[in-house]
């Protein structure tokens, strides 16, 4: 998850999902917020589409609060 600032100064959160082995982009979405429930929802949608992963890895970043 990262953020992108637009010309008006508003930050828009972006969620990206990559396959670790192939580095294939599995998902990219603009998030309405960075609440943990929102992130879990997008993760569960991805699991429903691609199946259960052996592991979930995250990039180091600030704690999601929301």
N, C-alpha and C. Protein backbone atom coordinates (compact mmCIF):
# COMPACT_ATOMS: atom_id res chain seq x y z
N UNK A 1 0.85 -1.16 0.00
CA UNK A 1 0.00 0.00 0.00
C UNK A 1 0.89 1.22 0.00
N UNK A 2 0.49 2.20 -0.78
CA UNK A 2 1.22 3.46 -0.83
C UNK A 2 0.21 4.56 -1.09
N UNK A 3 0.66 5.77 -1.09
CA UNK A 3 -0.22 6.89 -1.35
C UNK A 3 0.30 7.75 -2.48
N UNK A 4 -0.60 8.40 -3.18
CA UNK A 4 -0.23 9.31 -4.27
C UNK A 4 -0.98 10.61 -4.05
N UNK A 5 -0.24 11.72 -4.07
CA UNK A 5 -0.84 13.03 -3.87
C UNK A 5 -1.23 13.63 -5.21
N UNK A 6 -2.46 14.13 -5.29
CA UNK A 6 -2.91 14.76 -6.53
C UNK A 6 -2.57 16.24 -6.53
N UNK A 7 -2.96 16.96 -7.59
CA UNK A 7 -2.64 18.38 -7.73
C UNK A 7 -3.26 19.24 -6.65
N UNK A 8 -4.37 18.77 -6.07
CA UNK A 8 -5.05 19.52 -5.01
C UNK A 8 -4.44 19.26 -3.64
N UNK A 9 -3.47 18.34 -3.56
CA UNK A 9 -2.83 18.02 -2.28
C UNK A 9 -3.49 16.89 -1.52
N UNK A 10 -4.51 16.27 -2.09
CA UNK A 10 -5.19 15.15 -1.44
C UNK A 10 -4.41 13.86 -1.69
N UNK A 11 -4.26 13.05 -0.64
CA UNK A 11 -3.55 11.78 -0.76
C UNK A 11 -4.55 10.66 -1.04
N UNK A 12 -4.28 9.87 -2.07
CA UNK A 12 -5.12 8.73 -2.44
C UNK A 12 -4.32 7.46 -2.18
N UNK A 13 -4.92 6.53 -1.42
CA UNK A 13 -4.24 5.28 -1.07
C UNK A 13 -4.35 4.28 -2.22
N UNK A 14 -3.26 3.55 -2.48
CA UNK A 14 -3.20 2.57 -3.56
C UNK A 14 -2.75 1.24 -2.96
N UNK A 15 -3.47 0.17 -3.29
CA UNK A 15 -3.17 -1.18 -2.82
C UNK A 15 -2.69 -2.00 -4.00
N UNK A 16 -1.49 -2.56 -3.90
CA UNK A 16 -0.95 -3.43 -4.94
C UNK A 16 -0.70 -4.81 -4.40
N UNK A 17 -0.99 -5.82 -5.21
CA UNK A 17 -0.80 -7.21 -4.80
C UNK A 17 0.07 -7.91 -5.85
N UNK A 18 1.22 -8.41 -5.40
CA UNK A 18 2.19 -9.06 -6.29
C UNK A 18 2.38 -10.51 -5.90
N UNK A 19 2.59 -11.37 -6.90
CA UNK A 19 3.01 -12.74 -6.65
C UNK A 19 4.51 -12.72 -6.42
N UNK A 20 4.97 -13.26 -5.29
CA UNK A 20 6.38 -13.18 -4.93
C UNK A 20 7.28 -13.92 -5.92
N UNK A 21 6.87 -15.09 -6.35
CA UNK A 21 7.71 -15.90 -7.23
C UNK A 21 7.85 -15.33 -8.62
N UNK A 22 6.73 -14.99 -9.24
CA UNK A 22 6.77 -14.52 -10.63
C UNK A 22 6.82 -13.00 -10.75
N UNK A 23 6.56 -12.31 -9.66
CA UNK A 23 6.45 -10.85 -9.64
C UNK A 23 5.29 -10.33 -10.50
N UNK A 24 4.32 -11.21 -10.75
CA UNK A 24 3.14 -10.82 -11.52
C UNK A 24 2.27 -9.90 -10.68
N UNK A 25 1.73 -8.86 -11.30
CA UNK A 25 0.81 -7.97 -10.63
C UNK A 25 -0.56 -8.62 -10.62
N UNK A 26 -1.05 -8.98 -9.43
CA UNK A 26 -2.35 -9.65 -9.31
C UNK A 26 -3.48 -8.67 -9.05
N UNK A 27 -3.16 -7.54 -8.46
CA UNK A 27 -4.20 -6.58 -8.17
C UNK A 27 -3.65 -5.20 -7.92
N UNK A 28 -4.39 -4.19 -8.33
CA UNK A 28 -4.04 -2.80 -8.09
C UNK A 28 -5.35 -2.04 -7.93
N UNK A 29 -5.52 -1.38 -6.79
CA UNK A 29 -6.80 -0.73 -6.51
C UNK A 29 -6.60 0.56 -5.74
N UNK A 30 -7.45 1.53 -6.02
CA UNK A 30 -7.50 2.76 -5.23
C UNK A 30 -8.38 2.48 -4.02
N UNK A 31 -7.86 2.72 -2.83
CA UNK A 31 -8.60 2.43 -1.60
C UNK A 31 -9.31 3.68 -1.09
N UNK A 32 -10.50 3.52 -0.52
CA UNK A 32 -11.20 4.68 0.04
C UNK A 32 -10.55 5.17 1.33
N UNK A 33 -9.84 4.29 2.04
CA UNK A 33 -9.14 4.64 3.28
C UNK A 33 -8.07 3.59 3.54
N UNK A 34 -7.31 3.74 4.62
CA UNK A 34 -6.30 2.73 4.94
C UNK A 34 -6.63 1.98 6.22
N UNK A 35 -7.91 1.81 6.46
CA UNK A 35 -8.41 1.04 7.60
C UNK A 35 -8.04 -0.43 7.42
N UNK A 36 -7.71 -1.10 8.50
CA UNK A 36 -7.34 -2.52 8.43
C UNK A 36 -8.45 -3.37 7.83
N UNK A 37 -9.72 -3.04 8.10
CA UNK A 37 -10.83 -3.80 7.54
C UNK A 37 -10.88 -3.67 6.02
N UNK A 38 -10.56 -2.50 5.51
CA UNK A 38 -10.53 -2.28 4.07
C UNK A 38 -9.44 -3.13 3.43
N UNK A 39 -8.25 -3.13 4.03
CA UNK A 39 -7.14 -3.93 3.52
C UNK A 39 -7.47 -5.42 3.55
N UNK A 40 -8.06 -5.86 4.65
CA UNK A 40 -8.45 -7.27 4.74
C UNK A 40 -9.49 -7.63 3.68
N UNK A 41 -10.41 -6.73 3.43
CA UNK A 41 -11.42 -6.98 2.40
C UNK A 41 -10.80 -7.20 1.03
N UNK A 42 -9.84 -6.34 0.66
CA UNK A 42 -9.17 -6.50 -0.63
C UNK A 42 -8.31 -7.77 -0.66
N UNK A 43 -7.69 -8.10 0.47
CA UNK A 43 -6.92 -9.34 0.55
C UNK A 43 -7.84 -10.55 0.38
N UNK A 44 -9.00 -10.56 1.04
CA UNK A 44 -9.93 -11.68 0.93
C UNK A 44 -10.51 -11.80 -0.48
N UNK A 45 -10.77 -10.67 -1.14
CA UNK A 45 -11.22 -10.73 -2.53
C UNK A 45 -10.17 -11.38 -3.42
N UNK A 46 -8.92 -11.06 -3.17
CA UNK A 46 -7.82 -11.65 -3.95
C UNK A 46 -7.69 -13.14 -3.68
N UNK A 47 -7.86 -13.54 -2.42
CA UNK A 47 -7.81 -14.96 -2.07
C UNK A 47 -8.96 -15.70 -2.76
N UNK A 48 -10.13 -15.09 -2.80
CA UNK A 48 -11.26 -15.70 -3.49
C UNK A 48 -11.00 -15.88 -4.97
N UNK A 49 -10.27 -14.95 -5.57
CA UNK A 49 -9.99 -15.01 -7.00
C UNK A 49 -8.84 -15.95 -7.34
N UNK A 50 -7.75 -15.95 -6.54
CA UNK A 50 -6.53 -16.69 -6.87
C UNK A 50 -6.27 -17.90 -5.98
N UNK A 51 -7.02 -18.06 -4.91
CA UNK A 51 -6.80 -19.16 -3.99
C UNK A 51 -5.95 -18.74 -2.80
N UNK A 52 -5.91 -19.60 -1.81
CA UNK A 52 -5.20 -19.31 -0.56
C UNK A 52 -3.68 -19.37 -0.78
N UNK A 53 -2.96 -18.33 -0.40
CA UNK A 53 -1.51 -18.34 -0.55
C UNK A 53 -0.84 -19.16 0.55
N UNK A 54 0.39 -19.60 0.29
CA UNK A 54 1.15 -20.29 1.35
C UNK A 54 1.57 -19.31 2.43
N UNK A 55 1.82 -18.06 2.04
CA UNK A 55 2.23 -17.03 2.99
C UNK A 55 1.81 -15.67 2.45
N UNK A 56 1.66 -14.72 3.36
CA UNK A 56 1.39 -13.34 2.98
C UNK A 56 2.55 -12.51 3.50
N UNK A 57 3.22 -11.82 2.59
CA UNK A 57 4.35 -10.97 2.97
C UNK A 57 3.95 -9.52 2.76
N UNK A 58 4.47 -8.65 3.59
CA UNK A 58 4.19 -7.24 3.46
C UNK A 58 5.49 -6.47 3.35
N UNK A 59 5.43 -5.31 2.72
CA UNK A 59 6.56 -4.41 2.71
C UNK A 59 6.59 -3.68 4.04
N UNK A 60 7.74 -3.31 4.45
CA UNK A 60 7.82 -2.54 5.71
C UNK A 60 7.26 -1.16 5.48
N UNK A 61 6.44 -0.74 6.40
CA UNK A 61 5.82 0.57 6.28
C UNK A 61 5.22 0.97 7.61
N UNK A 62 4.57 2.12 7.61
CA UNK A 62 3.93 2.60 8.83
C UNK A 62 2.72 1.72 9.13
N UNK A 63 2.36 1.69 10.39
CA UNK A 63 1.20 0.93 10.85
C UNK A 63 -0.06 1.51 10.21
N UNK A 64 -0.94 0.64 9.75
CA UNK A 64 -2.22 1.08 9.18
C UNK A 64 -3.17 1.43 10.30
N UNK A 65 -3.58 2.66 10.34
CA UNK A 65 -4.52 3.11 11.36
C UNK A 65 -5.67 3.80 10.68
N UNK A 66 -6.83 3.69 11.31
CA UNK A 66 -7.79 4.29 10.60
C UNK A 66 -9.03 4.81 10.67
